[in-house]
C-alpha atoms as a PDB file:
ATOM      1  CA  UNK A   1      28.060 -77.136 -66.981  1.00  0.00           C
ATOM      2  CA  UNK A   2      31.585 -77.363 -67.703  1.00  0.00           C
ATOM      3  CA  UNK A   3      34.147 -77.349 -64.061  1.00  0.00           C
ATOM      4  CA  UNK A   4      34.736 -73.811 -65.086  1.00  0.00           C
ATOM      5  CA  UNK A   5      30.468 -72.625 -65.102  1.00  0.00           C
ATOM      6  CA  UNK A   6      30.502 -74.502 -61.966  1.00  0.00           C
ATOM      7  CA  UNK A   7      32.677 -73.285 -60.136  1.00  0.00           C
ATOM      8  CA  UNK A   8      31.929 -69.922 -61.202  1.00  0.00           C
ATOM      9  CA  UNK A   9      28.342 -70.106 -60.322  1.00  0.00           C
ATOM     10  CA  UNK A  10      29.108 -71.335 -56.864  1.00  0.00           C
ATOM     11  CA  UNK A  11      31.541 -68.183 -57.026  1.00  0.00           C
ATOM     12  CA  UNK A  12      28.790 -65.695 -57.996  1.00  0.00           C
ATOM     13  CA  UNK A  13      26.541 -67.499 -55.386  1.00  0.00           C
ATOM     14  CA  UNK A  14      29.349 -67.294 -52.584  1.00  0.00           C
ATOM     15  CA  UNK A  15      28.319 -66.049 -49.150  1.00  0.00           C
ATOM     16  CA  UNK A  16      31.151 -66.150 -47.156  1.00  0.00           C
ATOM     17  CA  UNK A  17      31.599 -62.781 -46.166  1.00  0.00           C
ATOM     18  CA  UNK A  18      27.765 -61.788 -46.055  1.00  0.00           C
ATOM     19  CA  UNK A  19      27.878 -60.620 -42.525  1.00  0.00           C
ATOM     20  CA  UNK A  20      30.553 -58.404 -43.152  1.00  0.00           C
ATOM     21  CA  UNK A  21      29.901 -56.723 -46.074  1.00  0.00           C
ATOM     22  CA  UNK A  22      28.138 -53.744 -45.873  1.00  0.00           C
ATOM     23  CA  UNK A  23      25.714 -53.614 -49.558  1.00  0.00           C
ATOM     24  CA  UNK A  24      25.614 -57.566 -48.873  1.00  0.00           C
ATOM     25  CA  UNK A  25      27.496 -59.714 -51.184  1.00  0.00           C
ATOM     26  CA  UNK A  26      27.573 -59.699 -54.965  1.00  0.00           C
ATOM     27  CA  UNK A  27      30.500 -61.658 -56.380  1.00  0.00           C
ATOM     28  CA  UNK A  28      31.965 -59.787 -59.814  1.00  0.00           C
ATOM     29  CA  UNK A  29      34.023 -61.584 -61.773  1.00  0.00           C
ATOM     30  CA  UNK A  30      34.494 -62.656 -65.109  1.00  0.00           C
ATOM     31  CA  UNK A  31      36.498 -65.985 -66.781  1.00  0.00           C
ATOM     32  CA  UNK A  32      36.554 -68.141 -70.178  1.00  0.00           C
ATOM     33  CA  UNK A  33      38.537 -71.438 -70.429  1.00  0.00           C
ATOM     34  CA  UNK A  34      39.725 -69.655 -73.477  1.00  0.00           C
ATOM     35  CA  UNK A  35      41.099 -66.691 -72.088  1.00  0.00           C
ATOM     36  CA  UNK A  36      44.769 -65.980 -72.534  1.00  0.00           C
ATOM     37  CA  UNK A  37      45.103 -62.791 -69.863  1.00  0.00           C
ATOM     38  CA  UNK A  38      43.597 -62.246 -66.641  1.00  0.00           C
ATOM     39  CA  UNK A  39      43.554 -59.153 -64.706  1.00  0.00           C
ATOM     40  CA  UNK A  40      43.835 -60.017 -60.862  1.00  0.00           C
ATOM     41  CA  UNK A  41      42.128 -56.248 -58.925  1.00  0.00           C
ATOM     42  CA  UNK A  42      41.322 -55.353 -55.400  1.00  0.00           C
ATOM     43  CA  UNK A  43      37.573 -55.804 -55.106  1.00  0.00           C
ATOM     44  CA  UNK A  44      34.518 -54.163 -56.887  1.00  0.00           C
ATOM     45  CA  UNK A  45      33.807 -50.426 -55.642  1.00  0.00           C
ATOM     46  CA  UNK A  46      30.179 -48.936 -55.129  1.00  0.00           C
ATOM     47  CA  UNK A  47      29.826 -48.527 -58.822  1.00  0.00           C
ATOM     48  CA  UNK A  48      30.993 -51.557 -59.776  1.00  0.00           C
ATOM     49  CA  UNK A  49      28.915 -53.624 -56.819  1.00  0.00           C
ATOM     50  CA  UNK A  50      25.328 -51.891 -58.444  1.00  0.00           C
ATOM     51  CA  UNK A  51      26.065 -52.795 -61.687  1.00  0.00           C
ATOM     52  CA  UNK A  52      27.753 -56.233 -61.583  1.00  0.00           C
ATOM     53  CA  UNK A  53      30.166 -55.150 -64.492  1.00  0.00           C
ATOM     54  CA  UNK A  54      33.979 -55.745 -62.614  1.00  0.00           C
ATOM     55  CA  UNK A  55      35.658 -52.169 -63.475  1.00  0.00           C
ATOM     56  CA  UNK A  56      32.848 -50.558 -65.295  1.00  0.00           C
ATOM     57  CA  UNK A  57      33.955 -47.108 -63.263  1.00  0.00           C
ATOM     58  CA  UNK A  58      36.659 -44.899 -64.353  1.00  0.00           C
ATOM     59  CA  UNK A  59      39.331 -47.156 -62.841  1.00  0.00           C
ATOM     60  CA  UNK A  60      38.093 -49.458 -65.761  1.00  0.00           C
ATOM     61  CA  UNK A  61      38.052 -46.559 -68.123  1.00  0.00           C
ATOM     62  CA  UNK A  62      41.732 -45.937 -66.956  1.00  0.00           C
ATOM     63  CA  UNK A  63      42.583 -49.452 -67.576  1.00  0.00           C
ATOM     64  CA  UNK A  64      41.263 -50.158 -70.689  1.00  0.00           C
ATOM     65  CA  UNK A  65      43.174 -47.500 -72.113  1.00  0.00           C
ATOM     66  CA  UNK A  66      46.323 -48.332 -70.527  1.00  0.00           C
ATOM     67  CA  UNK A  67      45.386 -51.861 -72.268  1.00  0.00           C
ATOM     68  CA  UNK A  68      44.458 -50.163 -75.591  1.00  0.00           C
ATOM     69  CA  UNK A  69      41.408 -52.440 -75.964  1.00  0.00           C
ATOM     70  CA  UNK A  70      37.877 -51.463 -76.209  1.00  0.00           C
ATOM     71  CA  UNK A  71      34.895 -52.165 -73.742  1.00  0.00           C
ATOM     72  CA  UNK A  72      33.802 -55.011 -75.926  1.00  0.00           C
ATOM     73  CA  UNK A  73      37.257 -56.942 -76.001  1.00  0.00           C
ATOM     74  CA  UNK A  74      37.832 -56.150 -72.449  1.00  0.00           C
ATOM     75  CA  UNK A  75      34.585 -57.809 -71.527  1.00  0.00           C
ATOM     76  CA  UNK A  76      34.835 -60.630 -73.490  1.00  0.00           C
ATOM     77  CA  UNK A  77      35.174 -63.534 -71.399  1.00  0.00           C
ATOM     78  CA  UNK A  78      36.681 -65.681 -73.846  1.00  0.00           C
ATOM     79  CA  UNK A  79      39.586 -64.031 -74.221  1.00  0.00           C
ATOM     80  CA  UNK A  80      40.091 -61.841 -70.750  1.00  0.00           C
ATOM     81  CA  UNK A  81      39.346 -63.447 -67.613  1.00  0.00           C
ATOM     82  CA  UNK A  82      38.846 -60.933 -64.189  1.00  0.00           C
ATOM     83  CA  UNK A  83      39.333 -62.040 -60.926  1.00  0.00           C
ATOM     84  CA  UNK A  84      39.749 -59.994 -58.162  1.00  0.00           C
ATOM     85  CA  UNK A  85      41.337 -60.246 -54.529  1.00  0.00           C
ATOM     86  CA  UNK A  86      37.740 -59.661 -53.179  1.00  0.00           C
ATOM     87  CA  UNK A  87      34.889 -60.859 -55.478  1.00  0.00           C
ATOM     88  CA  UNK A  88      32.827 -58.163 -53.463  1.00  0.00           C
ATOM     89  CA  UNK A  89      32.454 -54.969 -52.330  1.00  0.00           C
ATOM     90  CA  UNK A  90      34.251 -54.924 -49.105  1.00  0.00           C
ATOM     91  CA  UNK A  91      33.328 -51.253 -47.343  1.00  0.00           C
ATOM     92  CA  UNK A  92      35.026 -47.802 -46.557  1.00  0.00           C
ATOM     93  CA  UNK A  93      37.318 -47.135 -43.769  1.00  0.00           C
ATOM     94  CA  UNK A  94      37.293 -43.743 -41.674  1.00  0.00           C
ATOM     95  CA  UNK A  95      39.264 -41.936 -44.779  1.00  0.00           C
ATOM     96  CA  UNK A  96      36.738 -42.746 -47.419  1.00  0.00           C
ATOM     97  CA  UNK A  97      38.945 -45.142 -48.737  1.00  0.00           C
ATOM     98  CA  UNK A  98      37.892 -49.037 -49.869  1.00  0.00           C
ATOM     99  CA  UNK A  99      39.032 -51.214 -47.222  1.00  0.00           C
ATOM    100  CA  UNK A 100      41.046 -54.135 -48.082  1.00  0.00           C
ATOM    101  CA  UNK A 101      39.567 -56.791 -49.758  1.00  0.00           C
ATOM    102  CA  UNK A 102      38.476 -59.820 -47.633  1.00  0.00           C
ATOM    103  CA  UNK A 103      41.314 -61.953 -46.300  1.00  0.00           C
ATOM    104  CA  UNK A 104      38.915 -65.519 -47.087  1.00  0.00           C
ATOM    105  CA  UNK A 105      38.118 -64.451 -50.253  1.00  0.00           C
ATOM    106  CA  UNK A 106      41.691 -65.163 -52.458  1.00  0.00           C
ATOM    107  CA  UNK A 107      42.599 -68.141 -50.665  1.00  0.00           C
ATOM    108  CA  UNK A 108      39.181 -69.709 -51.347  1.00  0.00           C
ATOM    109  CA  UNK A 109      38.397 -68.479 -55.183  1.00  0.00           C
ATOM    110  CA  UNK A 110      41.357 -67.981 -56.901  1.00  0.00           C
ATOM    111  CA  UNK A 111      42.860 -72.150 -56.581  1.00  0.00           C
ATOM    112  CA  UNK A 112      39.814 -73.244 -57.085  1.00  0.00           C
ATOM    113  CA  UNK A 113      39.244 -71.170 -60.399  1.00  0.00           C
ATOM    114  CA  UNK A 114      42.819 -70.331 -61.778  1.00  0.00           C
ATOM    115  CA  UNK A 115      43.596 -73.516 -62.668  1.00  0.00           C
ATOM    116  CA  UNK A 116      40.750 -73.692 -65.013  1.00  0.00           C
ATOM    117  CA  UNK A 117      42.161 -71.387 -67.176  1.00  0.00           C
ATOM    118  CA  UNK A 118      44.511 -72.784 -68.824  1.00  0.00           C
ATOM    119  CA  UNK A 119      45.321 -71.181 -71.731  1.00  0.00           C
ATOM    120  CA  UNK A 120      46.108 -67.964 -69.323  1.00  0.00           C
ATOM    121  CA  UNK A 121      49.371 -65.977 -70.890  1.00  0.00           C
ATOM    122  CA  UNK A 122      49.864 -62.881 -68.883  1.00  0.00           C
ATOM    123  CA  UNK A 123      48.570 -62.220 -65.480  1.00  0.00           C
ATOM    124  CA  UNK A 124      48.405 -58.520 -64.573  1.00  0.00           C
ATOM    125  CA  UNK A 125      48.748 -57.724 -60.937  1.00  0.00           C
ATOM    126  CA  UNK A 126      46.899 -54.524 -60.208  1.00  0.00           C
ATOM    127  CA  UNK A 127      47.552 -53.086 -56.802  1.00  0.00           C
ATOM    128  CA  UNK A 128      49.498 -54.021 -53.647  1.00  0.00           C
ATOM    129  CA  UNK A 129      47.173 -57.133 -52.718  1.00  0.00           C
ATOM    130  CA  UNK A 130      47.385 -59.076 -55.959  1.00  0.00           C
ATOM    131  CA  UNK A 131      50.957 -58.640 -56.209  1.00  0.00           C
ATOM    132  CA  UNK A 132      50.950 -60.063 -52.655  1.00  0.00           C
ATOM    133  CA  UNK A 133      49.532 -63.162 -53.207  1.00  0.00           C
ATOM    134  CA  UNK A 134      51.035 -63.564 -56.444  1.00  0.00           C
ATOM    135  CA  UNK A 135      54.601 -62.715 -56.738  1.00  0.00           C
ATOM    136  CA  UNK A 136      55.051 -63.691 -52.483  1.00  0.00           C
ATOM    137  CA  UNK A 137      58.761 -62.954 -51.053  1.00  0.00           C
ATOM    138  CA  UNK A 138      59.518 -62.016 -54.644  1.00  0.00           C
ATOM    139  CA  UNK A 139      58.052 -58.740 -54.418  1.00  0.00           C
ATOM    140  CA  UNK A 140      59.513 -55.299 -53.764  1.00  0.00           C
ATOM    141  CA  UNK A 141      59.046 -53.437 -50.651  1.00  0.00           C
ATOM    142  CA  UNK A 142      56.801 -51.434 -51.753  1.00  0.00           C
ATOM    143  CA  UNK A 143      54.332 -50.799 -54.604  1.00  0.00           C
ATOM    144  CA  UNK A 144      56.419 -48.766 -56.508  1.00  0.00           C
ATOM    145  CA  UNK A 145      59.466 -50.873 -56.387  1.00  0.00           C
ATOM    146  CA  UNK A 146      57.735 -53.609 -57.389  1.00  0.00           C
ATOM    147  CA  UNK A 147      56.237 -52.079 -60.774  1.00  0.00           C
ATOM    148  CA  UNK A 148      59.203 -50.356 -61.375  1.00  0.00           C
ATOM    149  CA  UNK A 149      61.081 -54.064 -61.612  1.00  0.00           C
ATOM    150  CA  UNK A 150      58.208 -55.368 -63.741  1.00  0.00           C
ATOM    151  CA  UNK A 151      60.528 -57.589 -66.043  1.00  0.00           C
ATOM    152  CA  UNK A 152      61.894 -59.866 -63.126  1.00  0.00           C
ATOM    153  CA  UNK A 153      58.076 -60.807 -63.372  1.00  0.00           C
ATOM    154  CA  UNK A 154      57.757 -61.743 -66.919  1.00  0.00           C
ATOM    155  CA  UNK A 155      56.744 -63.254 -68.871  1.00  0.00           C
ATOM    156  CA  UNK A 156      54.213 -64.893 -66.501  1.00  0.00           C
ATOM    157  CA  UNK A 157      52.795 -61.767 -64.328  1.00  0.00           C
ATOM    158  CA  UNK A 158      52.790 -57.655 -65.190  1.00  0.00           C
ATOM    159  CA  UNK A 159      52.271 -55.940 -61.802  1.00  0.00           C
ATOM    160  CA  UNK A 160      50.710 -52.452 -62.618  1.00  0.00           C
ATOM    161  CA  UNK A 161      49.458 -49.697 -59.608  1.00  0.00           C
ATOM    162  CA  UNK A 162      45.765 -49.971 -59.362  1.00  0.00           C
ATOM    163  CA  UNK A 163      44.306 -47.694 -62.007  1.00  0.00           C
ATOM    164  CA  UNK A 164      42.003 -45.806 -59.248  1.00  0.00           C
ATOM    165  CA  UNK A 165      41.783 -41.669 -59.730  1.00  0.00           C
ATOM    166  CA  UNK A 166      43.049 -41.672 -56.157  1.00  0.00           C
ATOM    167  CA  UNK A 167      46.318 -43.057 -57.724  1.00  0.00           C
ATOM    168  CA  UNK A 168      46.542 -40.013 -59.897  1.00  0.00           C
ATOM    169  CA  UNK A 169      49.500 -38.364 -58.007  1.00  0.00           C
ATOM    170  CA  UNK A 170      51.512 -41.304 -57.926  1.00  0.00           C
ATOM    171  CA  UNK A 171      50.927 -41.394 -61.860  1.00  0.00           C
ATOM    172  CA  UNK A 172      52.681 -38.086 -62.205  1.00  0.00           C
ATOM    173  CA  UNK A 173      55.449 -38.724 -59.812  1.00  0.00           C
ATOM    174  CA  UNK A 174      56.855 -41.905 -61.664  1.00  0.00           C
ATOM    175  CA  UNK A 175      56.005 -41.149 -66.147  1.00  0.00           C
ATOM    176  CA  UNK A 176      58.005 -43.950 -66.719  1.00  0.00           C
ATOM    177  CA  UNK A 177      54.533 -46.472 -66.051  1.00  0.00           C
ATOM    178  CA  UNK A 178      53.699 -44.379 -69.299  1.00  0.00           C
ATOM    179  CA  UNK A 179      57.039 -44.189 -71.137  1.00  0.00           C
ATOM    180  CA  UNK A 180      58.466 -47.841 -70.509  1.00  0.00           C
ATOM    181  CA  UNK A 181      55.290 -50.529 -69.136  1.00  0.00           C
ATOM    182  CA  UNK A 182      52.464 -49.238 -70.975  1.00  0.00           C
ATOM    183  CA  UNK A 183      54.089 -49.534 -74.439  1.00  0.00           C
ATOM    184  CA  UNK A 184      54.930 -53.048 -73.212  1.00  0.00           C
ATOM    185  CA  UNK A 185      51.913 -53.933 -71.792  1.00  0.00           C
ATOM    186  CA  UNK A 186      49.882 -53.232 -74.966  1.00  0.00           C
ATOM    187  CA  UNK A 187      52.152 -54.636 -77.196  1.00  0.00           C
ATOM    188  CA  UNK A 188      52.011 -57.953 -75.254  1.00  0.00           C
ATOM    189  CA  UNK A 189      48.297 -57.434 -74.680  1.00  0.00           C
ATOM    190  CA  UNK A 190      47.209 -57.041 -78.616  1.00  0.00           C
ATOM    191  CA  UNK A 191      49.139 -59.961 -79.397  1.00  0.00           C
ATOM    192  CA  UNK A 192      47.376 -61.981 -77.369  1.00  0.00           C
ATOM    193  CA  UNK A 193      44.064 -60.716 -77.811  1.00  0.00           C
END
């Protein structure tokens, strides 16, 4: 097994948070050594947990539309890596929203897996947790400001809001995402994939 295959197998067998996960551990991720694009999302939802396939839900449909790619391309690990901040479904809060990713997950797995992806040219930071980890003090006060300042983080990173239906109102209030960012995102994705 290659170093990446070994690390992926260990990540998929991870049980660090087992006692805290309402549906039990089921790490969901994909990566291939030749991947040039990586999506860093939040954490699997219940549908993704059930299927074991990343972004296999309406959020994934919206994300693929943003990227301008089909399911076959999106799920080709040799071309696109998916490494969420939390590998397992974290449960829901009292309002019915998904809880934040477990804090131990990204520090455990991202430093181990990311260096094994030497061809990465663009990392999409989908949501505030990914942006906090990868942009650190360079991110702005709010997600909106961070996404609006997307040019400041290139060429390696591109911050995006989460494609969840819960963000539909945000998308309507911020039409510049579709007008300014998505065309550039599609251009870069097409060039990489």
